[in-house]
PDB file of N, CA and C in Angstrom:
ATOM      1  N   MET A   1     -10.010  -4.721  15.287  1.00  0.00           N
ATOM      2  CA  MET A   1      -8.717  -4.080  15.357  1.00  0.00           C
ATOM      3  C   MET A   1      -7.710  -4.993  16.052  1.00  0.00           C
ATOM      4  N   ARG A   2      -8.154  -5.660  17.095  1.00  0.00           N
ATOM      5  CA  ARG A   2      -7.242  -6.571  17.792  1.00  0.00           C
ATOM      6  C   ARG A   2      -6.818  -7.722  16.878  1.00  0.00           C
ATOM      7  N   ARG A   3      -7.753  -8.245  16.103  1.00  0.00           N
ATOM      8  CA  ARG A   3      -7.453  -9.373  15.233  1.00  0.00           C
ATOM      9  C   ARG A   3      -6.415  -9.009  14.174  1.00  0.00           C
ATOM     10  N   LEU A   4      -6.452  -7.775  13.674  1.00  0.00           N
ATOM     11  CA  LEU A   4      -5.487  -7.347  12.665  1.00  0.00           C
ATOM     12  C   LEU A   4      -4.112  -7.066  13.258  1.00  0.00           C
ATOM     13  N   ALA A   5      -4.048  -6.888  14.573  1.00  0.00           N
ATOM     14  CA  ALA A   5      -2.785  -6.713  15.303  1.00  0.00           C
ATOM     15  C   ALA A   5      -1.985  -5.502  14.851  1.00  0.00           C
ATOM     16  N   GLY A   6      -2.667  -4.434  14.490  1.00  0.00           N
ATOM     17  CA  GLY A   6      -1.952  -3.232  14.067  1.00  0.00           C
ATOM     18  C   GLY A   6      -1.957  -2.131  15.095  1.00  0.00           C
ATOM     19  N   THR A   7      -2.672  -2.337  16.193  1.00  0.00           N
ATOM     20  CA  THR A   7      -2.782  -1.327  17.232  1.00  0.00           C
ATOM     21  C   THR A   7      -2.421  -1.962  18.560  1.00  0.00           C
ATOM     22  N   ASP A   8      -1.572  -1.296  19.291  1.00  0.00           N
ATOM     23  CA  ASP A   8      -1.149  -1.799  20.596  1.00  0.00           C
ATOM     24  C   ASP A   8      -2.370  -1.982  21.493  1.00  0.00           C
ATOM     25  N   SER A   9      -2.415  -3.092  22.220  1.00  0.00           N
ATOM     26  CA  SER A   9      -3.563  -3.381  23.089  1.00  0.00           C
ATOM     27  C   SER A   9      -3.722  -2.315  24.175  1.00  0.00           C
ATOM     28  N   LEU A  10      -2.638  -1.643  24.563  1.00  0.00           N
ATOM     29  CA  LEU A  10      -2.752  -0.559  25.547  1.00  0.00           C
ATOM     30  C   LEU A  10      -3.636   0.570  25.022  1.00  0.00           C
ATOM     31  N   VAL A  11      -3.555   0.819  23.733  1.00  0.00           N
ATOM     32  CA  VAL A  11      -4.407   1.847  23.120  1.00  0.00           C
ATOM     33  C   VAL A  11      -5.850   1.367  23.093  1.00  0.00           C
ATOM     34  N   LEU A  12      -6.059   0.123  22.692  1.00  0.00           N
ATOM     35  CA  LEU A  12      -7.415  -0.409  22.585  1.00  0.00           C
ATOM     36  C   LEU A  12      -8.081  -0.604  23.941  1.00  0.00           C
ATOM     37  N   ASP A  13      -7.293  -0.661  24.995  1.00  0.00           N
ATOM     38  CA  ASP A  13      -7.844  -0.800  26.345  1.00  0.00           C
ATOM     39  C   ASP A  13      -8.248   0.538  26.951  1.00  0.00           C
ATOM     40  N   GLU A  14      -7.961   1.636  26.258  1.00  0.00           N
ATOM     41  CA  GLU A  14      -8.321   2.980  26.736  1.00  0.00           C
ATOM     42  C   GLU A  14      -9.596   3.450  26.038  1.00  0.00           C
ATOM     43  N   PRO A  15     -10.732   3.432  26.712  1.00  0.00           N
ATOM     44  CA  PRO A  15     -12.005   3.802  26.069  1.00  0.00           C
ATOM     45  C   PRO A  15     -11.979   5.181  25.410  1.00  0.00           C
ATOM     46  N   GLU A  16     -11.316   6.143  25.991  1.00  0.00           N
ATOM     47  CA  GLU A  16     -11.293   7.501  25.419  1.00  0.00           C
ATOM     48  C   GLU A  16     -10.523   7.513  24.087  1.00  0.00           C
ATOM     49  N   LEU A  17      -9.416   6.801  24.021  1.00  0.00           N
ATOM     50  CA  LEU A  17      -8.657   6.728  22.769  1.00  0.00           C
ATOM     51  C   LEU A  17      -9.454   6.009  21.691  1.00  0.00           C
ATOM     52  N   VAL A  18     -10.128   4.950  22.075  1.00  0.00           N
ATOM     53  CA  VAL A  18     -10.956   4.214  21.122  1.00  0.00           C
ATOM     54  C   VAL A  18     -12.082   5.107  20.610  1.00  0.00           C
ATOM     55  N   ARG A  19     -12.714   5.854  21.523  1.00  0.00           N
ATOM     56  CA  ARG A  19     -13.800   6.762  21.136  1.00  0.00           C
ATOM     57  C   ARG A  19     -13.302   7.798  20.126  1.00  0.00           C
ATOM     58  N   LEU A  20     -12.078   8.301  20.312  1.00  0.00           N
ATOM     59  CA  LEU A  20     -11.527   9.291  19.390  1.00  0.00           C
ATOM     60  C   LEU A  20     -11.181   8.690  18.024  1.00  0.00           C
ATOM     61  N   ALA A  21     -10.755   7.442  18.032  1.00  0.00           N
ATOM     62  CA  ALA A  21     -10.314   6.813  16.790  1.00  0.00           C
ATOM     63  C   ALA A  21     -11.449   6.214  15.961  1.00  0.00           C
ATOM     64  N   LEU A  22     -12.543   5.846  16.598  1.00  0.00           N
ATOM     65  CA  LEU A  22     -13.616   5.140  15.891  1.00  0.00           C
ATOM     66  C   LEU A  22     -14.187   5.866  14.676  1.00  0.00           C
ATOM     67  N   PRO A  23     -14.431   7.165  14.709  1.00  0.00           N
ATOM     68  CA  PRO A  23     -14.979   7.808  13.501  1.00  0.00           C
ATOM     69  C   PRO A  23     -14.074   7.640  12.278  1.00  0.00           C
ATOM     70  N   SER A  24     -12.773   7.802  12.458  1.00  0.00           N
ATOM     71  CA  SER A  24     -11.846   7.634  11.330  1.00  0.00           C
ATOM     72  C   SER A  24     -11.807   6.194  10.859  1.00  0.00           C
ATOM     73  N   LEU A  25     -11.783   5.268  11.802  1.00  0.00           N
ATOM     74  CA  LEU A  25     -11.757   3.852  11.440  1.00  0.00           C
ATOM     75  C   LEU A  25     -13.023   3.442  10.701  1.00  0.00           C
ATOM     76  N   ARG A  26     -14.150   3.913  11.184  1.00  0.00           N
ATOM     77  CA  ARG A  26     -15.415   3.580  10.511  1.00  0.00           C
ATOM     78  C   ARG A  26     -15.455   4.158   9.096  1.00  0.00           C
ATOM     79  N   ALA A  27     -14.963   5.387   8.923  1.00  0.00           N
ATOM     80  CA  ALA A  27     -14.934   6.007   7.597  1.00  0.00           C
ATOM     81  C   ALA A  27     -14.002   5.235   6.666  1.00  0.00           C
ATOM     82  N   ASP A  28     -12.853   4.820   7.184  1.00  0.00           N
ATOM     83  CA  ASP A  28     -11.892   4.061   6.387  1.00  0.00           C
ATOM     84  C   ASP A  28     -12.499   2.744   5.924  1.00  0.00           C
ATOM     85  N   TYR A  29     -13.086   2.006   6.835  1.00  0.00           N
ATOM     86  CA  TYR A  29     -13.709   0.733   6.471  1.00  0.00           C
ATOM     87  C   TYR A  29     -14.915   0.953   5.557  1.00  0.00           C
ATOM     88  N   GLY A  30     -15.674   2.007   5.796  1.00  0.00           N
ATOM     89  CA  GLY A  30     -16.814   2.307   4.933  1.00  0.00           C
ATOM     90  C   GLY A  30     -16.381   2.565   3.503  1.00  0.00           C
ATOM     91  N   ALA A  31     -15.311   3.330   3.331  1.00  0.00           N
ATOM     92  CA  ALA A  31     -14.801   3.611   1.985  1.00  0.00           C
ATOM     93  C   ALA A  31     -14.304   2.327   1.328  1.00  0.00           C
ATOM     94  N   ALA A  32     -13.572   1.520   2.067  1.00  0.00           N
ATOM     95  CA  ALA A  32     -13.032   0.272   1.512  1.00  0.00           C
ATOM     96  C   ALA A  32     -14.145  -0.701   1.129  1.00  0.00           C
ATOM     97  N   GLU A  33     -15.201  -0.744   1.921  1.00  0.00           N
ATOM     98  CA  GLU A  33     -16.277  -1.700   1.674  1.00  0.00           C
ATOM     99  C   GLU A  33     -17.233  -1.269   0.579  1.00  0.00           C
ATOM    100  N   THR A  34     -17.311   0.027   0.290  1.00  0.00           N
ATOM    101  CA  THR A  34     -18.293   0.497  -0.687  1.00  0.00           C
ATOM    102  C   THR A  34     -17.692   0.922  -2.019  1.00  0.00           C
ATOM    103  N   TYR A  35     -16.365   1.092  -2.104  1.00  0.00           N
ATOM    104  CA  TYR A  35     -15.744   1.521  -3.359  1.00  0.00           C
ATOM    105  C   TYR A  35     -15.810   0.403  -4.382  1.00  0.00           C
ATOM    106  N   ASP A  36     -16.207   0.738  -5.588  1.00  0.00           N
ATOM    107  CA  ASP A  36     -16.247  -0.221  -6.678  1.00  0.00           C
ATOM    108  C   ASP A  36     -15.790   0.485  -7.944  1.00  0.00           C
ATOM    109  N   ALA A  37     -14.605   0.130  -8.420  1.00  0.00           N
ATOM    110  CA  ALA A  37     -14.077   0.756  -9.635  1.00  0.00           C
ATOM    111  C   ALA A  37     -14.769   0.237 -10.887  1.00  0.00           C
ATOM    112  N   GLY A  38     -15.559  -0.803 -10.731  1.00  0.00           N
ATOM    113  CA  GLY A  38     -16.261  -1.368 -11.873  1.00  0.00           C
ATOM    114  C   GLY A  38     -15.471  -2.510 -12.484  1.00  0.00           C
ATOM    115  N   PRO A  39     -16.155  -3.344 -13.235  1.00  0.00           N
ATOM    116  CA  PRO A  39     -15.487  -4.495 -13.844  1.00  0.00           C
ATOM    117  C   PRO A  39     -14.458  -4.052 -14.882  1.00  0.00           C
ATOM    118  N   GLY A  40     -13.322  -4.698 -14.866  1.00  0.00           N
ATOM    119  CA  GLY A  40     -12.304  -4.415 -15.870  1.00  0.00           C
ATOM    120  C   GLY A  40     -11.553  -3.117 -15.664  1.00  0.00           C
ATOM    121  N   ALA A  41     -11.632  -2.511 -14.486  1.00  0.00           N
ATOM    122  CA  ALA A  41     -10.918  -1.258 -14.238  1.00  0.00           C
ATOM    123  C   ALA A  41      -9.419  -1.493 -14.368  1.00  0.00           C
ATOM    124  N   VAL A  42      -8.768  -0.661 -15.183  1.00  0.00           N
ATOM    125  CA  VAL A  42      -7.348  -0.814 -15.457  1.00  0.00           C
ATOM    126  C   VAL A  42      -6.683   0.555 -15.452  1.00  0.00           C
ATOM    127  N   VAL A  43      -5.468   0.612 -14.905  1.00  0.00           N
ATOM    128  CA  VAL A  43      -4.678   1.845 -14.954  1.00  0.00           C
ATOM    129  C   VAL A  43      -3.559   1.659 -15.970  1.00  0.00           C
ATOM    130  N   ASP A  44      -3.090   2.771 -16.515  1.00  0.00           N
ATOM    131  CA  ASP A  44      -2.034   2.760 -17.518  1.00  0.00           C
ATOM    132  C   ASP A  44      -0.716   3.196 -16.876  1.00  0.00           C
ATOM    133  N   CYS A  45      -0.282   2.426 -15.890  1.00  0.00           N
ATOM    134  CA  CYS A  45       0.976   2.723 -15.224  1.00  0.00           C
ATOM    135  C   CYS A  45       1.481   1.446 -14.563  1.00  0.00           C
ATOM    136  N   ASP A  46       2.736   1.474 -14.164  1.00  0.00           N
ATOM    137  CA  ASP A  46       3.293   0.316 -13.469  1.00  0.00           C
ATOM    138  C   ASP A  46       2.690   0.220 -12.075  1.00  0.00           C
ATOM    139  N   VAL A  47       2.583  -0.992 -11.563  1.00  0.00           N
ATOM    140  CA  VAL A  47       2.047  -1.230 -10.223  1.00  0.00           C
ATOM    141  C   VAL A  47       3.033  -2.088  -9.440  1.00  0.00           C
ATOM    142  N   VAL A  48       3.337  -1.629  -8.232  1.00  0.00           N
ATOM    143  CA  VAL A  48       4.126  -2.432  -7.298  1.00  0.00           C
ATOM    144  C   VAL A  48       3.201  -2.721  -6.117  1.00  0.00           C
ATOM    145  N   ALA A  49       2.836  -3.984  -5.951  1.00  0.00           N
ATOM    146  CA  ALA A  49       1.938  -4.384  -4.866  1.00  0.00           C
ATOM    147  C   ALA A  49       2.776  -4.917  -3.710  1.00  0.00           C
ATOM    148  N   LEU A  50       2.419  -4.522  -2.493  1.00  0.00           N
ATOM    149  CA  LEU A  50       3.116  -4.956  -1.289  1.00  0.00           C
ATOM    150  C   LEU A  50       2.139  -5.710  -0.399  1.00  0.00           C
ATOM    151  N   THR A  51       2.595  -6.801   0.198  1.00  0.00           N
ATOM    152  CA  THR A  51       1.742  -7.550   1.110  1.00  0.00           C
ATOM    153  C   THR A  51       2.601  -8.278   2.134  1.00  0.00           C
ATOM    154  N   GLY A  52       1.958  -8.710   3.202  1.00  0.00           N
ATOM    155  CA  GLY A  52       2.640  -9.480   4.226  1.00  0.00           C
ATOM    156  C   GLY A  52       2.359 -10.963   4.055  1.00  0.00           C
ATOM    157  N   ASP A  53       3.353 -11.791   4.311  1.00  0.00           N
ATOM    158  CA  ASP A  53       3.168 -13.229   4.114  1.00  0.00           C
ATOM    159  C   ASP A  53       2.245 -13.869   5.150  1.00  0.00           C
ATOM    160  N   GLY A  54       1.960 -13.153   6.244  1.00  0.00           N
ATOM    161  CA  GLY A  54       1.072 -13.685   7.267  1.00  0.00           C
ATOM    162  C   GLY A  54      -0.228 -12.919   7.382  1.00  0.00           C
ATOM    163  N   ASP A  55      -0.581 -12.163   6.358  1.00  0.00           N
ATOM    164  CA  ASP A  55      -1.808 -11.362   6.379  1.00  0.00           C
ATOM    165  C   ASP A  55      -2.998 -12.251   6.047  1.00  0.00           C
ATOM    166  N   ASP A  56      -3.876 -12.469   7.022  1.00  0.00           N
ATOM    167  CA  ASP A  56      -5.055 -13.293   6.750  1.00  0.00           C
ATOM    168  C   ASP A  56      -6.230 -12.454   6.258  1.00  0.00           C
ATOM    169  N   HIS A  57      -6.015 -11.158   6.090  1.00  0.00           N
ATOM    170  CA  HIS A  57      -7.055 -10.263   5.571  1.00  0.00           C
ATOM    171  C   HIS A  57      -6.872 -10.052   4.060  1.00  0.00           C
ATOM    172  N   VAL A  58      -5.627  -9.880   3.630  1.00  0.00           N
ATOM    173  CA  VAL A  58      -5.290  -9.732   2.213  1.00  0.00           C
ATOM    174  C   VAL A  58      -4.134 -10.677   1.941  1.00  0.00           C
ATOM    175  N   GLY A  59      -4.438 -11.812   1.370  1.00  0.00           N
ATOM    176  CA  GLY A  59      -3.410 -12.817   1.125  1.00  0.00           C
ATOM    177  C   GLY A  59      -2.564 -12.504  -0.096  1.00  0.00           C
ATOM    178  N   ILE A  60      -1.526 -13.284  -0.272  1.00  0.00           N
ATOM    179  CA  ILE A  60      -0.620 -13.099  -1.412  1.00  0.00           C
ATOM    180  C   ILE A  60      -1.381 -13.234  -2.723  1.00  0.00           C
ATOM    181  N   ALA A  61      -2.280 -14.203  -2.803  1.00  0.00           N
ATOM    182  CA  ALA A  61      -3.068 -14.389  -4.036  1.00  0.00           C
ATOM    183  C   ALA A  61      -3.949 -13.173  -4.308  1.00  0.00           C
ATOM    184  N   ASP A  62      -4.487 -12.554  -3.245  1.00  0.00           N
ATOM    185  CA  ASP A  62      -5.296 -11.343  -3.421  1.00  0.00           C
ATOM    186  C   ASP A  62      -4.450 -10.204  -3.985  1.00  0.00           C
ATOM    187  N   ALA A  63      -3.254 -10.034  -3.424  1.00  0.00           N
ATOM    188  CA  ALA A  63      -2.361  -8.979  -3.904  1.00  0.00           C
ATOM    189  C   ALA A  63      -1.943  -9.239  -5.348  1.00  0.00           C
ATOM    190  N   GLU A  64      -1.745 -10.493  -5.695  1.00  0.00           N
ATOM    191  CA  GLU A  64      -1.357 -10.866  -7.052  1.00  0.00           C
ATOM    192  C   GLU A  64      -2.411 -10.446  -8.079  1.00  0.00           C
ATOM    193  N   HIS A  65      -3.669 -10.372  -7.675  1.00  0.00           N
ATOM    194  CA  HIS A  65      -4.752  -9.983  -8.596  1.00  0.00           C
ATOM    195  C   HIS A  65      -4.636  -8.548  -9.099  1.00  0.00           C
ATOM    196  N   TRP A  66      -3.839  -7.725  -8.427  1.00  0.00           N
ATOM    197  CA  TRP A  66      -3.635  -6.352  -8.927  1.00  0.00           C
ATOM    198  C   TRP A  66      -3.006  -6.372 -10.311  1.00  0.00           C
ATOM    199  N   ARG A  67      -2.314  -7.455 -10.658  1.00  0.00           N
ATOM    200  CA  ARG A  67      -1.697  -7.594 -11.978  1.00  0.00           C
ATOM    201  C   ARG A  67      -2.739  -7.390 -13.087  1.00  0.00           C
ATOM    202  N   GLU A  68      -3.968  -7.810 -12.822  1.00  0.00           N
ATOM    203  CA  GLU A  68      -5.039  -7.728 -13.814  1.00  0.00           C
ATOM    204  C   GLU A  68      -5.535  -6.302 -14.027  1.00  0.00           C
ATOM    205  N   HIS A  69      -5.080  -5.361 -13.198  1.00  0.00           N
ATOM    206  CA  HIS A  69      -5.616  -4.000 -13.254  1.00  0.00           C
ATOM    207  C   HIS A  69      -4.618  -2.980 -13.764  1.00  0.00           C
ATOM    208  N   THR A  70      -3.599  -3.432 -14.493  1.00  0.00           N
ATOM    209  CA  THR A  70      -2.655  -2.492 -15.085  1.00  0.00           C
ATOM    210  C   THR A  70      -2.242  -2.959 -16.475  1.00  0.00           C
ATOM    211  N   THR A  71      -1.991  -1.992 -17.331  1.00  0.00           N
ATOM    212  CA  THR A  71      -1.414  -2.298 -18.635  1.00  0.00           C
ATOM    213  C   THR A  71       0.098  -2.168 -18.565  1.00  0.00           C
ATOM    214  N   GLY A  72       0.608  -1.660 -17.439  1.00  0.00           N
ATOM    215  CA  GLY A  72       2.049  -1.500 -17.256  1.00  0.00           C
ATOM    216  C   GLY A  72       2.664  -2.730 -16.611  1.00  0.00           C
ATOM    217  N   ALA A  73       3.886  -2.549 -16.184  1.00  0.00           N
ATOM    218  CA  ALA A  73       4.594  -3.638 -15.504  1.00  0.00           C
ATOM    219  C   ALA A  73       3.968  -3.871 -14.130  1.00  0.00           C
ATOM    220  N   PHE A  74       4.118  -5.086 -13.629  1.00  0.00           N
ATOM    221  CA  PHE A  74       3.600  -5.433 -12.314  1.00  0.00           C
ATOM    222  C   PHE A  74       4.691  -6.134 -11.525  1.00  0.00           C
ATOM    223  N   GLU A  75       4.811  -5.744 -10.260  1.00  0.00           N
ATOM    224  CA  GLU A  75       5.772  -6.382  -9.371  1.00  0.00           C
ATOM    225  C   GLU A  75       5.091  -6.611  -8.025  1.00  0.00           C
ATOM    226  N   LEU A  76       5.249  -7.800  -7.480  1.00  0.00           N
ATOM    227  CA  LEU A  76       4.702  -8.128  -6.169  1.00  0.00           C
ATOM    228  C   LEU A  76       5.856  -8.312  -5.196  1.00  0.00           C
ATOM    229  N   GLN A  77       5.818  -7.557  -4.109  1.00  0.00           N
ATOM    230  CA  GLN A  77       6.822  -7.666  -3.054  1.00  0.00           C
ATOM    231  C   GLN A  77       6.125  -8.223  -1.813  1.00  0.00           C
ATOM    232  N   VAL A  78       6.617  -9.343  -1.311  1.00  0.00           N
ATOM    233  CA  VAL A  78       6.035  -9.978  -0.134  1.00  0.00           C
ATOM    234  C   VAL A  78       6.996  -9.811   1.036  1.00  0.00           C
ATOM    235  N   PHE A  79       6.463  -9.282   2.139  1.00  0.00           N
ATOM    236  CA  PHE A  79       7.253  -9.037   3.339  1.00  0.00           C
ATOM    237  C   PHE A  79       6.835  -9.988   4.446  1.00  0.00           C
ATOM    238  N   GLU A  80       7.733 -10.225   5.352  1.00  0.00           N
ATOM    239  CA  GLU A  80       7.399 -11.011   6.536  1.00  0.00           C
ATOM    240  C   GLU A  80       6.475 -10.176   7.406  1.00  0.00           C
ATOM    241  N   GLY A  81       5.368 -10.765   7.830  1.00  0.00           N
ATOM    242  CA  GLY A  81       4.461 -10.063   8.729  1.00  0.00           C
ATOM    243  C   GLY A  81       3.012 -10.192   8.328  1.00  0.00           C
ATOM    244  N   GLY A  82       2.165  -9.640   9.163  1.00  0.00           N
ATOM    245  CA  GLY A  82       0.725  -9.688   8.959  1.00  0.00           C
ATOM    246  C   GLY A  82       0.212  -8.480   8.211  1.00  0.00           C
ATOM    247  N   HIS A  83      -1.022  -8.080   8.518  1.00  0.00           N
ATOM    248  CA  HIS A  83      -1.688  -6.992   7.807  1.00  0.00           C
ATOM    249  C   HIS A  83      -0.946  -5.665   7.946  1.00  0.00           C
ATOM    250  N   PHE A  84      -0.259  -5.470   9.062  1.00  0.00           N
ATOM    251  CA  PHE A  84       0.469  -4.228   9.287  1.00  0.00           C
ATOM    252  C   PHE A  84       1.974  -4.446   9.152  1.00  0.00           C
ATOM    253  N   PHE A  85       2.373  -5.225   8.162  1.00  0.00           N
ATOM    254  CA  PHE A  85       3.786  -5.509   7.913  1.00  0.00           C
ATOM    255  C   PHE A  85       4.593  -4.238   7.689  1.00  0.00           C
ATOM    256  N   LEU A  86       3.931  -3.181   7.216  1.00  0.00           N
ATOM    257  CA  LEU A  86       4.629  -1.924   6.933  1.00  0.00           C
ATOM    258  C   LEU A  86       5.382  -1.391   8.146  1.00  0.00           C
ATOM    259  N   ASN A  87       4.810  -1.582   9.326  1.00  0.00           N
ATOM    260  CA  ASN A  87       5.429  -1.053  10.542  1.00  0.00           C
ATOM    261  C   ASN A  87       6.823  -1.614  10.772  1.00  0.00           C
ATOM    262  N   ASP A  88       7.062  -2.845  10.355  1.00  0.00           N
ATOM    263  CA  ASP A  88       8.344  -3.499  10.601  1.00  0.00           C
ATOM    264  C   ASP A  88       9.335  -3.360   9.453  1.00  0.00           C
ATOM    265  N   HIS A  89       8.900  -2.762   8.354  1.00  0.00           N
ATOM    266  CA  HIS A  89       9.758  -2.705   7.164  1.00  0.00           C
ATOM    267  C   HIS A  89       9.809  -1.304   6.549  1.00  0.00           C
ATOM    268  N   GLU A  90       9.644  -0.275   7.354  1.00  0.00           N
ATOM    269  CA  GLU A  90       9.569   1.091   6.816  1.00  0.00           C
ATOM    270  C   GLU A  90      10.745   1.476   5.927  1.00  0.00           C
ATOM    271  N   PRO A  91      12.003   1.237   6.337  1.00  0.00           N
ATOM    272  CA  PRO A  91      13.114   1.662   5.461  1.00  0.00           C
ATOM    273  C   PRO A  91      13.082   0.985   4.090  1.00  0.00           C
ATOM    274  N   ARG A  92      12.832  -0.301   4.041  1.00  0.00           N
ATOM    275  CA  ARG A  92      12.800  -1.019   2.766  1.00  0.00           C
ATOM    276  C   ARG A  92      11.628  -0.572   1.903  1.00  0.00           C
ATOM    277  N   ILE A  93      10.491  -0.332   2.536  1.00  0.00           N
ATOM    278  CA  ILE A  93       9.318   0.117   1.777  1.00  0.00           C
ATOM    279  C   ILE A  93       9.530   1.522   1.237  1.00  0.00           C
ATOM    280  N   ALA A  94      10.125   2.398   2.043  1.00  0.00           N
ATOM    281  CA  ALA A  94      10.432   3.755   1.566  1.00  0.00           C
ATOM    282  C   ALA A  94      11.374   3.690   0.361  1.00  0.00           C
ATOM    283  N   GLU A  95      12.346   2.796   0.424  1.00  0.00           N
ATOM    284  CA  GLU A  95      13.276   2.615  -0.699  1.00  0.00           C
ATOM    285  C   GLU A  95      12.533   2.133  -1.940  1.00  0.00           C
ATOM    286  N   LEU A  96      11.635   1.155  -1.791  1.00  0.00           N
ATOM    287  CA  LEU A  96      10.859   0.643  -2.923  1.00  0.00           C
ATOM    288  C   LEU A  96       9.982   1.725  -3.543  1.00  0.00           C
ATOM    289  N   VAL A  97       9.323   2.499  -2.694  1.00  0.00           N
ATOM    290  CA  VAL A  97       8.447   3.565  -3.201  1.00  0.00           C
ATOM    291  C   VAL A  97       9.276   4.606  -3.948  1.00  0.00           C
ATOM    292  N   GLY A  98      10.392   5.013  -3.365  1.00  0.00           N
ATOM    293  CA  GLY A  98      11.263   5.991  -4.037  1.00  0.00           C
ATOM    294  C   GLY A  98      11.764   5.486  -5.375  1.00  0.00           C
ATOM    295  N   THR A  99      12.187   4.231  -5.417  1.00  0.00           N
ATOM    296  CA  THR A  99      12.671   3.636  -6.667  1.00  0.00           C
ATOM    297  C   THR A  99      11.565   3.595  -7.710  1.00  0.00           C
ATOM    298  N   ALA A 100      10.367   3.199  -7.301  1.00  0.00           N
ATOM    299  CA  ALA A 100       9.238   3.122  -8.238  1.00  0.00           C
ATOM    300  C   ALA A 100       8.864   4.508  -8.767  1.00  0.00           C
ATOM    301  N   LEU A 101       8.883   5.509  -7.902  1.00  0.00           N
ATOM    302  CA  LEU A 101       8.542   6.866  -8.345  1.00  0.00           C
ATOM    303  C   LEU A 101       9.595   7.423  -9.293  1.00  0.00           C
ATOM    304  N   ARG A 102      10.868   7.196  -8.985  1.00  0.00           N
ATOM    305  CA  ARG A 102      11.922   7.661  -9.889  1.00  0.00           C
ATOM    306  C   ARG A 102      11.817   6.950 -11.240  1.00  0.00           C
ATOM    307  N   ALA A 103      11.511   5.654 -11.226  1.00  0.00           N
ATOM    308  CA  ALA A 103      11.357   4.915 -12.481  1.00  0.00           C
ATOM    309  C   ALA A 103      10.185   5.463 -13.288  1.00  0.00           C
ATOM    310  N   ALA A 104       9.099   5.809 -12.608  1.00  0.00           N
ATOM    311  CA  ALA A 104       7.928   6.357 -13.298  1.00  0.00           C
ATOM    312  C   ALA A 104       8.255   7.688 -13.970  1.00  0.00           C
ATOM    313  N   ARG A 105       9.208   8.407 -13.394  1.00  0.00           N
ATOM    314  CA  ARG A 105       9.618   9.692 -13.957  1.00  0.00           C
ATOM    315  C   ARG A 105      10.778   9.547 -14.909  1.00  0.00           C
ATOM    316  N   GLY A 106      11.282   8.311 -15.086  1.00  0.00           N
ATOM    317  CA  GLY A 106      12.395   8.092 -15.997  1.00  0.00           C
ATOM    318  C   GLY A 106      13.726   8.518 -15.414  1.00  0.00           C
ATOM    319  N   LEU A 107      13.834   8.505 -14.096  1.00  0.00           N
ATOM    320  CA  LEU A 107      15.059   8.925 -13.431  1.00  0.00           C
ATOM    321  C   LEU A 107      15.853   7.723 -12.970  1.00  0.00           C
ATOM    322  N   GLY A 108      17.110   7.943 -12.705  1.00  0.00           N
ATOM    323  CA  GLY A 108      17.970   6.878 -12.203  1.00  0.00           C
ATOM    324  C   GLY A 108      17.975   6.853 -10.694  1.00  0.00           C
ATOM    325  N   ALA A 109      19.122   6.572 -10.137  1.00  0.00           N
ATOM    326  CA  ALA A 109      19.287   6.462  -8.686  1.00  0.00           C
ATOM    327  C   ALA A 109      19.075   7.807  -8.011  1.00  0.00           C
ATOM    328  N   PRO A 110      18.780   7.819  -6.694  1.00  0.00           N
ATOM    329  CA  PRO A 110      18.592   9.067  -5.967  1.00  0.00           C
ATOM    330  C   PRO A 110      19.806   9.973  -6.117  1.00  0.00           C
ATOM    331  N   GLY A 111      19.546  11.273  -6.197  1.00  0.00           N
ATOM    332  CA  GLY A 111      20.630  12.243  -6.298  1.00  0.00           C
ATOM    333  C   GLY A 111      21.205  12.333  -7.691  1.00  0.00           C
ATOM    334  N   GLY A 112      20.538  11.713  -8.646  1.00  0.00           N
ATOM    335  CA  GLY A 112      21.017  11.740 -10.024  1.00  0.00           C
ATOM    336  C   GLY A 112      20.906  13.121 -10.625  1.00  0.00           C
ATOM    337  N   GLU A 113      21.396  13.240 -11.831  1.00  0.00           N
ATOM    338  CA  GLU A 113      21.453  14.533 -12.510  1.00  0.00           C
ATOM    339  C   GLU A 113      20.083  15.179 -12.638  1.00  0.00           C
ATOM    340  N   ASP A 114      19.039  14.394 -12.882  1.00  0.00           N
ATOM    341  CA  ASP A 114      17.697  14.940 -13.099  1.00  0.00           C
ATOM    342  C   ASP A 114      16.766  14.514 -11.969  1.00  0.00           C
ATOM    343  N   ASP A 115      17.176  14.711 -10.734  1.00  0.00           N
ATOM    344  CA  ASP A 115      16.388  14.281  -9.579  1.00  0.00           C
ATOM    345  C   ASP A 115      15.569  15.444  -9.017  1.00  0.00           C
ATOM    346  N   ARG A 116      14.932  16.201  -9.898  1.00  0.00           N
ATOM    347  CA  ARG A 116      14.130  17.343  -9.477  1.00  0.00           C
ATOM    348  C   ARG A 116      12.686  16.914  -9.219  1.00  0.00           C
ATOM    349  N   ALA A 117      12.023  17.663  -8.345  1.00  0.00           N
ATOM    350  CA  ALA A 117      10.601  17.396  -8.118  1.00  0.00           C
ATOM    351  C   ALA A 117       9.823  17.782  -9.352  1.00  0.00           C
ATOM    352  N   GLY A 118       8.758  17.096  -9.605  1.00  0.00           N
ATOM    353  CA  GLY A 118       7.927  17.409 -10.749  1.00  0.00           C
ATOM    354  C   GLY A 118       6.779  16.427 -10.818  1.00  0.00           C
ATOM    355  N   PRO A 119       5.879  16.602 -11.780  1.00  0.00           N
ATOM    356  CA  PRO A 119       4.731  15.717 -11.861  1.00  0.00           C
ATOM    357  C   PRO A 119       5.127  14.295 -12.228  1.00  0.00           C
ATOM    358  N   ILE A 120       4.392  13.359 -11.685  1.00  0.00           N
ATOM    359  CA  ILE A 120       4.587  11.954 -12.004  1.00  0.00           C
ATOM    360  C   ILE A 120       3.493  11.566 -12.985  1.00  0.00           C
ATOM    361  N   ARG A 121       3.889  11.074 -14.118  1.00  0.00           N
ATOM    362  CA  ARG A 121       2.926  10.717 -15.152  1.00  0.00           C
ATOM    363  C   ARG A 121       3.023   9.228 -15.454  1.00  0.00           C
ATOM    364  N   PRO A 122       1.906   8.622 -15.859  1.00  0.00           N
ATOM    365  CA  PRO A 122       1.973   7.198 -16.237  1.00  0.00           C
ATOM    366  C   PRO A 122       2.832   7.012 -17.476  1.00  0.00           C
ATOM    367  N   ARG A 123       3.447   5.845 -17.564  1.00  0.00           N
ATOM    368  CA  ARG A 123       4.222   5.506 -18.761  1.00  0.00           C
ATOM    369  C   ARG A 123       3.274   5.243 -19.907  1.00  0.00           C
ATOM    370  N   ARG A 124       3.675   5.597 -21.067  1.00  0.00           N
ATOM    371  CA  ARG A 124       2.822   5.398 -22.259  1.00  0.00           C
ATOM    372  C   ARG A 124       3.307   4.215 -23.053  1.00  0.00           C
TER     373      ARG A 124
END
C-alpha cells in the first residue's frame, strides 16, 4: 500500500485502521489476481481507458492493451500522477465519464433536450 502511494502514511501507521481495512484490500486484490475473462474477451461498446503517466503498476502500454478488448471506439487518456492519479484529477475525470456516458446514450452536452436518466446500452 505504501509503494502505491494511495493511502496517507498516517492511516497506515495506525494498526487499528489497517486491521479494519485489510479484509477489503485482500478481497480486492484477490478478485483482481484471480479474474480471467478468457482469451479474446471483447465487449461491444466504446472504451475510454484512464491511466497515470507515473504508474509503475499499470503502465501506459498496459492501458493501451484495452484497445484489443472492444469492437467499439477506443480512447486512452493519460493523466499526470501515479497509480492513484484519480485523486488529483476528480473534476476532469468526472467530466470524461459524463461525456462518455452521454455519448453511449446518443445524447449531446449536459442539460440537453434528451438528458433523462435511462438505461445505457452498447452501441451496435
